[in-house]
Amino acid sequence: MQENGTSEDTIVHHTEQHAEQTTIGPPPPEPNEVSFRWSGKSVAIAVGICTLAGSFFTFTAVQYASIAQERAVVEMRIKSLEDWRTEMTQIARDNTEARIRNEEQLKNLQQGQMDIKDMLNSHMHGGKQE
């Protein structure tokens, strides 16, 4: 095989170089050993997850504050509408009572007017006929 220019020594040497090139970085842990080393990729993923979680909770807190503020505004508006309804109900009640009083006074005035007409008619007709 030496005639082709390749030998077993050269193949082994190439495979050793290849093996050396592929094992850059820390050696892999033993199967029965737990490793707590974080690679750069793992750290980047963890930072990304923490950033997303932090932005989610920040967004949720801002949303909750906005919802709480809007709810307070709505509750204040509901209270003012209830107060307005109570006031309008009282005004309607007062107006109804006043209308009833006015109707009674009008009936009394009409009755008084009829009495006055009757008295005038009896006075005028009574004086001419006699």
N, C-alpha and C. Protein backbone atom coordinates (compact mmCIF):
# COMPACT_ATOMS: atom_id res chain seq x y z
N MET A 1 0.80 -1.18 0.00
CA MET A 1 0.00 0.00 0.00
C MET A 1 0.85 1.25 0.00
N GLN A 2 2.07 1.11 0.16
CA GLN A 2 2.92 2.28 0.17
C GLN A 2 3.12 2.81 -1.23
N GLU A 3 2.81 2.04 -2.23
CA GLU A 3 2.96 2.49 -3.59
C GLU A 3 1.95 3.58 -3.92
N ASN A 4 0.77 3.56 -3.35
CA ASN A 4 -0.25 4.57 -3.62
C ASN A 4 0.03 5.86 -2.87
N GLY A 5 0.92 5.85 -2.00
CA GLY A 5 1.26 7.05 -1.23
C GLY A 5 0.48 7.15 0.06
N THR A 6 -0.31 6.15 0.41
CA THR A 6 -1.06 6.19 1.66
C THR A 6 -0.63 5.02 2.50
N SER A 7 -0.59 5.24 3.71
CA SER A 7 -0.24 4.16 4.62
C SER A 7 -1.19 4.19 5.78
N GLU A 8 -1.17 3.17 6.54
CA GLU A 8 -2.04 3.11 7.71
C GLU A 8 -1.67 4.19 8.71
N ASP A 9 -0.37 4.52 8.80
CA ASP A 9 0.06 5.57 9.73
C ASP A 9 -0.56 6.91 9.35
N THR A 10 -0.63 7.21 8.09
CA THR A 10 -1.18 8.49 7.64
C THR A 10 -2.67 8.54 7.92
N ILE A 11 -3.38 7.50 7.71
CA ILE A 11 -4.82 7.46 7.96
C ILE A 11 -5.10 7.67 9.44
N VAL A 12 -4.35 7.03 10.27
CA VAL A 12 -4.52 7.21 11.71
C VAL A 12 -4.22 8.64 12.08
N HIS A 13 -3.17 9.18 11.49
CA HIS A 13 -2.80 10.56 11.78
C HIS A 13 -3.91 11.50 11.37
N HIS A 14 -4.51 11.30 10.24
CA HIS A 14 -5.61 12.15 9.78
C HIS A 14 -6.82 12.00 10.69
N THR A 15 -7.10 10.82 11.10
CA THR A 15 -8.25 10.63 11.98
C THR A 15 -7.98 11.23 13.34
N GLU A 16 -6.73 11.21 13.79
CA GLU A 16 -6.41 11.84 15.07
C GLU A 16 -6.55 13.36 14.95
N GLN A 17 -6.10 13.92 13.83
CA GLN A 17 -6.27 15.36 13.64
C GLN A 17 -7.75 15.70 13.58
N HIS A 18 -8.48 14.90 12.88
CA HIS A 18 -9.92 15.15 12.78
C HIS A 18 -10.56 15.05 14.16
N ALA A 19 -10.15 14.08 14.93
CA ALA A 19 -10.68 13.92 16.27
C ALA A 19 -10.29 15.10 17.13
N GLU A 20 -9.10 15.62 16.94
CA GLU A 20 -8.67 16.78 17.72
C GLU A 20 -9.47 18.01 17.32
N GLN A 21 -9.80 18.15 16.08
CA GLN A 21 -10.54 19.31 15.61
C GLN A 21 -11.99 19.29 16.09
N THR A 22 -12.57 18.16 16.24
CA THR A 22 -13.97 18.09 16.64
C THR A 22 -14.16 18.17 18.14
N THR A 23 -13.13 17.98 18.92
CA THR A 23 -13.28 18.02 20.37
C THR A 23 -12.78 19.34 20.94
N ILE A 24 -13.14 20.47 20.33
CA ILE A 24 -12.78 21.77 20.88
C ILE A 24 -13.81 22.09 21.96
N GLY A 25 -13.38 22.58 23.09
CA GLY A 25 -14.26 22.90 24.21
C GLY A 25 -14.06 21.91 25.33
N PRO A 26 -14.86 22.03 26.36
CA PRO A 26 -14.69 21.11 27.50
C PRO A 26 -15.09 19.70 27.11
N PRO A 27 -14.44 18.74 27.70
CA PRO A 27 -14.78 17.36 27.38
C PRO A 27 -16.18 17.03 27.88
N PRO A 28 -16.88 16.15 27.23
CA PRO A 28 -18.22 15.80 27.69
C PRO A 28 -18.15 15.12 29.05
N PRO A 29 -19.19 15.29 29.87
CA PRO A 29 -19.16 14.66 31.19
C PRO A 29 -19.29 13.15 31.08
N GLU A 30 -18.82 12.51 32.10
CA GLU A 30 -18.94 11.06 32.17
C GLU A 30 -20.43 10.71 32.31
N PRO A 31 -20.84 9.56 31.88
CA PRO A 31 -22.27 9.19 31.97
C PRO A 31 -22.80 9.15 33.40
N ASN A 32 -21.98 8.81 34.37
CA ASN A 32 -22.45 8.75 35.75
C ASN A 32 -22.18 10.05 36.51
N GLU A 33 -21.77 11.09 35.84
CA GLU A 33 -21.41 12.36 36.47
C GLU A 33 -22.38 13.45 35.99
N VAL A 34 -22.88 14.25 36.93
CA VAL A 34 -23.79 15.34 36.58
C VAL A 34 -22.97 16.61 36.42
N SER A 35 -23.15 17.29 35.30
CA SER A 35 -22.40 18.50 35.03
C SER A 35 -23.30 19.72 35.17
N PHE A 36 -22.80 20.73 35.89
CA PHE A 36 -23.55 21.97 36.06
C PHE A 36 -22.95 23.09 35.24
N ARG A 37 -22.19 22.77 34.25
CA ARG A 37 -21.59 23.78 33.38
C ARG A 37 -22.63 24.25 32.37
N TRP A 38 -22.63 25.54 32.13
CA TRP A 38 -23.56 26.12 31.16
C TRP A 38 -22.75 26.56 29.95
N SER A 39 -23.20 26.15 28.81
CA SER A 39 -22.53 26.61 27.60
C SER A 39 -23.08 28.00 27.27
N GLY A 40 -22.39 28.66 26.35
CA GLY A 40 -22.84 29.99 25.95
C GLY A 40 -24.24 29.96 25.37
N LYS A 41 -24.55 28.93 24.64
CA LYS A 41 -25.88 28.78 24.04
C LYS A 41 -26.94 28.63 25.13
N SER A 42 -26.64 27.84 26.15
CA SER A 42 -27.59 27.64 27.26
C SER A 42 -27.82 28.94 28.01
N VAL A 43 -26.75 29.68 28.23
CA VAL A 43 -26.88 30.97 28.93
C VAL A 43 -27.73 31.92 28.10
N ALA A 44 -27.50 31.97 26.79
CA ALA A 44 -28.27 32.85 25.92
C ALA A 44 -29.75 32.47 25.93
N ILE A 45 -30.04 31.19 25.90
CA ILE A 45 -31.43 30.73 25.94
C ILE A 45 -32.06 31.10 27.28
N ALA A 46 -31.34 30.88 28.38
CA ALA A 46 -31.86 31.21 29.72
C ALA A 46 -32.12 32.71 29.84
N VAL A 47 -31.21 33.53 29.35
CA VAL A 47 -31.40 34.99 29.40
C VAL A 47 -32.61 35.37 28.56
N GLY A 48 -32.77 34.76 27.40
CA GLY A 48 -33.93 35.04 26.54
C GLY A 48 -35.23 34.68 27.22
N ILE A 49 -35.26 33.52 27.86
CA ILE A 49 -36.47 33.09 28.58
C ILE A 49 -36.77 34.04 29.73
N CYS A 50 -35.75 34.41 30.49
CA CYS A 50 -35.95 35.35 31.61
C CYS A 50 -36.43 36.71 31.11
N THR A 51 -35.89 37.17 30.00
CA THR A 51 -36.31 38.45 29.43
C THR A 51 -37.76 38.39 29.00
N LEU A 52 -38.13 37.32 28.32
CA LEU A 52 -39.52 37.17 27.89
C LEU A 52 -40.46 37.10 29.09
N ALA A 53 -40.08 36.33 30.10
CA ALA A 53 -40.92 36.22 31.30
C ALA A 53 -41.02 37.57 31.99
N GLY A 54 -39.92 38.28 32.10
CA GLY A 54 -39.95 39.60 32.74
C GLY A 54 -40.81 40.58 31.98
N SER A 55 -40.70 40.58 30.64
CA SER A 55 -41.53 41.50 29.85
C SER A 55 -43.00 41.10 29.93
N PHE A 56 -43.28 39.80 30.00
CA PHE A 56 -44.67 39.36 30.15
C PHE A 56 -45.25 39.85 31.46
N PHE A 57 -44.51 39.67 32.56
CA PHE A 57 -45.03 40.09 33.86
C PHE A 57 -45.12 41.60 33.96
N THR A 58 -44.18 42.31 33.35
CA THR A 58 -44.25 43.77 33.34
C THR A 58 -45.46 44.22 32.54
N PHE A 59 -45.67 43.63 31.37
CA PHE A 59 -46.82 43.96 30.55
C PHE A 59 -48.12 43.64 31.29
N THR A 60 -48.15 42.50 31.96
CA THR A 60 -49.34 42.10 32.71
C THR A 60 -49.61 43.08 33.84
N ALA A 61 -48.57 43.52 34.53
CA ALA A 61 -48.76 44.48 35.62
C ALA A 61 -49.26 45.81 35.09
N VAL A 62 -48.72 46.26 33.98
CA VAL A 62 -49.18 47.52 33.37
C VAL A 62 -50.63 47.37 32.92
N GLN A 63 -50.94 46.26 32.30
CA GLN A 63 -52.32 46.01 31.87
C GLN A 63 -53.25 45.99 33.07
N TYR A 64 -52.85 45.32 34.15
CA TYR A 64 -53.69 45.23 35.34
C TYR A 64 -53.91 46.62 35.93
N ALA A 65 -52.87 47.44 35.97
CA ALA A 65 -53.01 48.80 36.50
C ALA A 65 -53.97 49.60 35.63
N SER A 66 -53.86 49.44 34.33
CA SER A 66 -54.76 50.15 33.41
C SER A 66 -56.19 49.68 33.59
N ILE A 67 -56.39 48.39 33.72
CA ILE A 67 -57.73 47.84 33.93
C ILE A 67 -58.30 48.32 35.26
N ALA A 68 -57.48 48.34 36.30
CA ALA A 68 -57.95 48.80 37.61
C ALA A 68 -58.34 50.27 37.53
N GLN A 69 -57.56 51.08 36.82
CA GLN A 69 -57.88 52.50 36.69
C GLN A 69 -59.17 52.68 35.89
N GLU A 70 -59.32 51.94 34.80
CA GLU A 70 -60.54 52.03 34.00
C GLU A 70 -61.75 51.58 34.81
N ARG A 71 -61.58 50.55 35.61
CA ARG A 71 -62.67 50.06 36.44
C ARG A 71 -63.08 51.12 37.46
N ALA A 72 -62.11 51.81 38.04
CA ALA A 72 -62.43 52.88 39.00
C ALA A 72 -63.21 53.99 38.31
N VAL A 73 -62.82 54.33 37.09
CA VAL A 73 -63.54 55.37 36.35
C VAL A 73 -64.97 54.93 36.06
N VAL A 74 -65.13 53.67 35.64
CA VAL A 74 -66.46 53.15 35.34
C VAL A 74 -67.32 53.11 36.61
N GLU A 75 -66.76 52.67 37.72
CA GLU A 75 -67.52 52.63 38.97
C GLU A 75 -67.92 54.04 39.41
N MET A 76 -67.03 55.02 39.22
CA MET A 76 -67.35 56.40 39.57
C MET A 76 -68.49 56.91 38.67
N ARG A 77 -68.42 56.56 37.39
CA ARG A 77 -69.48 56.98 36.46
C ARG A 77 -70.81 56.33 36.83
N ILE A 78 -70.80 55.06 37.19
CA ILE A 78 -72.02 54.36 37.60
C ILE A 78 -72.60 55.03 38.84
N LYS A 79 -71.75 55.37 39.79
CA LYS A 79 -72.22 56.04 41.02
C LYS A 79 -72.85 57.38 40.68
N SER A 80 -72.21 58.15 39.79
CA SER A 80 -72.78 59.45 39.43
C SER A 80 -74.11 59.28 38.70
N LEU A 81 -74.24 58.22 37.87
CA LEU A 81 -75.51 57.97 37.19
C LEU A 81 -76.59 57.55 38.18
N GLU A 82 -76.23 56.77 39.18
CA GLU A 82 -77.20 56.38 40.21
C GLU A 82 -77.66 57.61 41.00
N ASP A 83 -76.72 58.50 41.33
CA ASP A 83 -77.08 59.74 42.02
C ASP A 83 -78.00 60.59 41.15
N TRP A 84 -77.68 60.67 39.86
CA TRP A 84 -78.50 61.45 38.93
C TRP A 84 -79.91 60.85 38.84
N ARG A 85 -80.00 59.51 38.77
CA ARG A 85 -81.30 58.84 38.71
C ARG A 85 -82.11 59.13 39.97
N THR A 86 -81.46 59.08 41.12
CA THR A 86 -82.15 59.38 42.39
C THR A 86 -82.66 60.81 42.38
N GLU A 87 -81.83 61.73 41.91
CA GLU A 87 -82.23 63.14 41.86
C GLU A 87 -83.40 63.33 40.90
N MET A 88 -83.33 62.70 39.73
CA MET A 88 -84.42 62.83 38.75
C MET A 88 -85.71 62.20 39.26
N THR A 89 -85.61 61.11 39.98
CA THR A 89 -86.79 60.48 40.57
C THR A 89 -87.43 61.41 41.59
N GLN A 90 -86.62 62.06 42.40
CA GLN A 90 -87.14 63.00 43.39
C GLN A 90 -87.79 64.20 42.71
N ILE A 91 -87.17 64.70 41.65
CA ILE A 91 -87.74 65.83 40.90
C ILE A 91 -89.08 65.42 40.29
N ALA A 92 -89.14 64.21 39.72
CA ALA A 92 -90.39 63.72 39.13
C ALA A 92 -91.47 63.59 40.20
N ARG A 93 -91.09 63.09 41.36
CA ARG A 93 -92.04 62.95 42.47
C ARG A 93 -92.54 64.33 42.90
N ASP A 94 -91.60 65.27 43.05
CA ASP A 94 -91.98 66.64 43.43
C ASP A 94 -92.88 67.26 42.37
N ASN A 95 -92.53 67.06 41.09
CA ASN A 95 -93.35 67.61 40.01
C ASN A 95 -94.75 67.01 40.01
N THR A 96 -94.83 65.71 40.28
CA THR A 96 -96.14 65.05 40.32
C THR A 96 -96.97 65.63 41.46
N GLU A 97 -96.36 65.78 42.62
CA GLU A 97 -97.08 66.36 43.76
C GLU A 97 -97.51 67.80 43.45
N ALA A 98 -96.63 68.55 42.82
CA ALA A 98 -96.96 69.94 42.48
C ALA A 98 -98.07 69.97 41.43
N ARG A 99 -98.03 69.07 40.46
CA ARG A 99 -99.07 69.01 39.45
C ARG A 99 -100.42 68.68 40.09
N ILE A 100 -100.43 67.74 41.02
CA ILE A 100 -101.67 67.38 41.71
C ILE A 100 -102.20 68.58 42.49
N ARG A 101 -101.32 69.28 43.19
CA ARG A 101 -101.74 70.48 43.94
C ARG A 101 -102.29 71.54 42.99
N ASN A 102 -101.60 71.74 41.85
CA ASN A 102 -102.06 72.72 40.87
C ASN A 102 -103.42 72.35 40.31
N GLU A 103 -103.64 71.05 40.05
CA GLU A 103 -104.95 70.61 39.55
C GLU A 103 -106.04 70.87 40.59
N GLU A 104 -105.75 70.60 41.85
CA GLU A 104 -106.73 70.86 42.92
C GLU A 104 -107.02 72.36 43.03
N GLN A 105 -105.96 73.18 42.96
CA GLN A 105 -106.17 74.63 43.02
C GLN A 105 -106.96 75.11 41.81
N LEU A 106 -106.68 74.55 40.63
CA LEU A 106 -107.41 74.93 39.42
C LEU A 106 -108.88 74.55 39.55
N LYS A 107 -109.17 73.36 40.08
CA LYS A 107 -110.57 72.94 40.30
C LYS A 107 -111.24 73.90 41.28
N ASN A 108 -110.51 74.26 42.35
CA ASN A 108 -111.08 75.20 43.33
C ASN A 108 -111.35 76.56 42.67
N LEU A 109 -110.41 77.00 41.83
CA LEU A 109 -110.59 78.28 41.14
C LEU A 109 -111.77 78.21 40.18
N GLN A 110 -111.87 77.10 39.45
CA GLN A 110 -113.00 76.95 38.52
C GLN A 110 -114.32 76.92 39.29
N GLN A 111 -114.33 76.23 40.42
CA GLN A 111 -115.54 76.17 41.25
C GLN A 111 -115.87 77.56 41.79
N GLY A 112 -114.83 78.29 42.22
CA GLY A 112 -115.04 79.66 42.70
C GLY A 112 -115.55 80.56 41.59
N GLN A 113 -115.02 80.38 40.37
CA GLN A 113 -115.46 81.17 39.23
C GLN A 113 -116.93 80.87 38.90
N MET A 114 -117.29 79.58 38.96
CA MET A 114 -118.67 79.19 38.72
C MET A 114 -119.59 79.78 39.79
N ASP A 115 -119.13 79.79 41.04
CA ASP A 115 -119.92 80.36 42.12
C ASP A 115 -120.12 81.86 41.90
N ILE A 116 -119.02 82.53 41.49
CA ILE A 116 -119.10 83.98 41.24
C ILE A 116 -120.06 84.25 40.07
N LYS A 117 -119.98 83.45 39.00
CA LYS A 117 -120.89 83.62 37.86
C LYS A 117 -122.33 83.41 38.29
N ASP A 118 -122.56 82.38 39.09
CA ASP A 118 -123.91 82.10 39.57
C ASP A 118 -124.43 83.27 40.42
N MET A 119 -123.56 83.82 41.28
CA MET A 119 -123.96 84.95 42.12
C MET A 119 -124.25 86.17 41.25
N LEU A 120 -123.41 86.43 40.24
CA LEU A 120 -123.62 87.57 39.35
C LEU A 120 -124.90 87.39 38.53
N ASN A 121 -125.09 86.18 38.02
CA ASN A 121 -126.29 85.91 37.24
C ASN A 121 -127.54 86.06 38.11
N SER A 122 -127.50 85.53 39.31
CA SER A 122 -128.66 85.64 40.19
C SER A 122 -128.88 87.10 40.59
N HIS A 123 -127.83 87.86 40.77
CA HIS A 123 -127.95 89.27 41.16
C HIS A 123 -128.49 90.08 39.98
N MET A 124 -127.97 89.82 38.78
CA MET A 124 -128.39 90.57 37.59
C MET A 124 -129.81 90.15 37.16
N HIS A 125 -130.09 88.93 37.17
CA HIS A 125 -131.40 88.47 36.74
C HIS A 125 -132.43 88.72 37.85
N GLY A 126 -131.98 88.65 39.00
CA GLY A 126 -132.89 88.88 40.13
C GLY A 126 -133.32 90.33 40.19
N GLY A 127 -132.46 91.29 39.87
CA GLY A 127 -132.77 92.71 39.92
C GLY A 127 -133.62 93.12 38.73
N LYS A 128 -133.49 92.55 37.56
CA LYS A 128 -134.23 92.92 36.35
C LYS A 128 -135.64 92.34 36.38
N GLN A 129 -135.75 91.15 36.90
CA GLN A 129 -137.05 90.50 36.89
C GLN A 129 -137.99 91.13 37.89
N GLU A 130 -137.52 91.69 38.95
CA GLU A 130 -138.41 92.22 39.97
C GLU A 130 -138.74 93.60 39.71
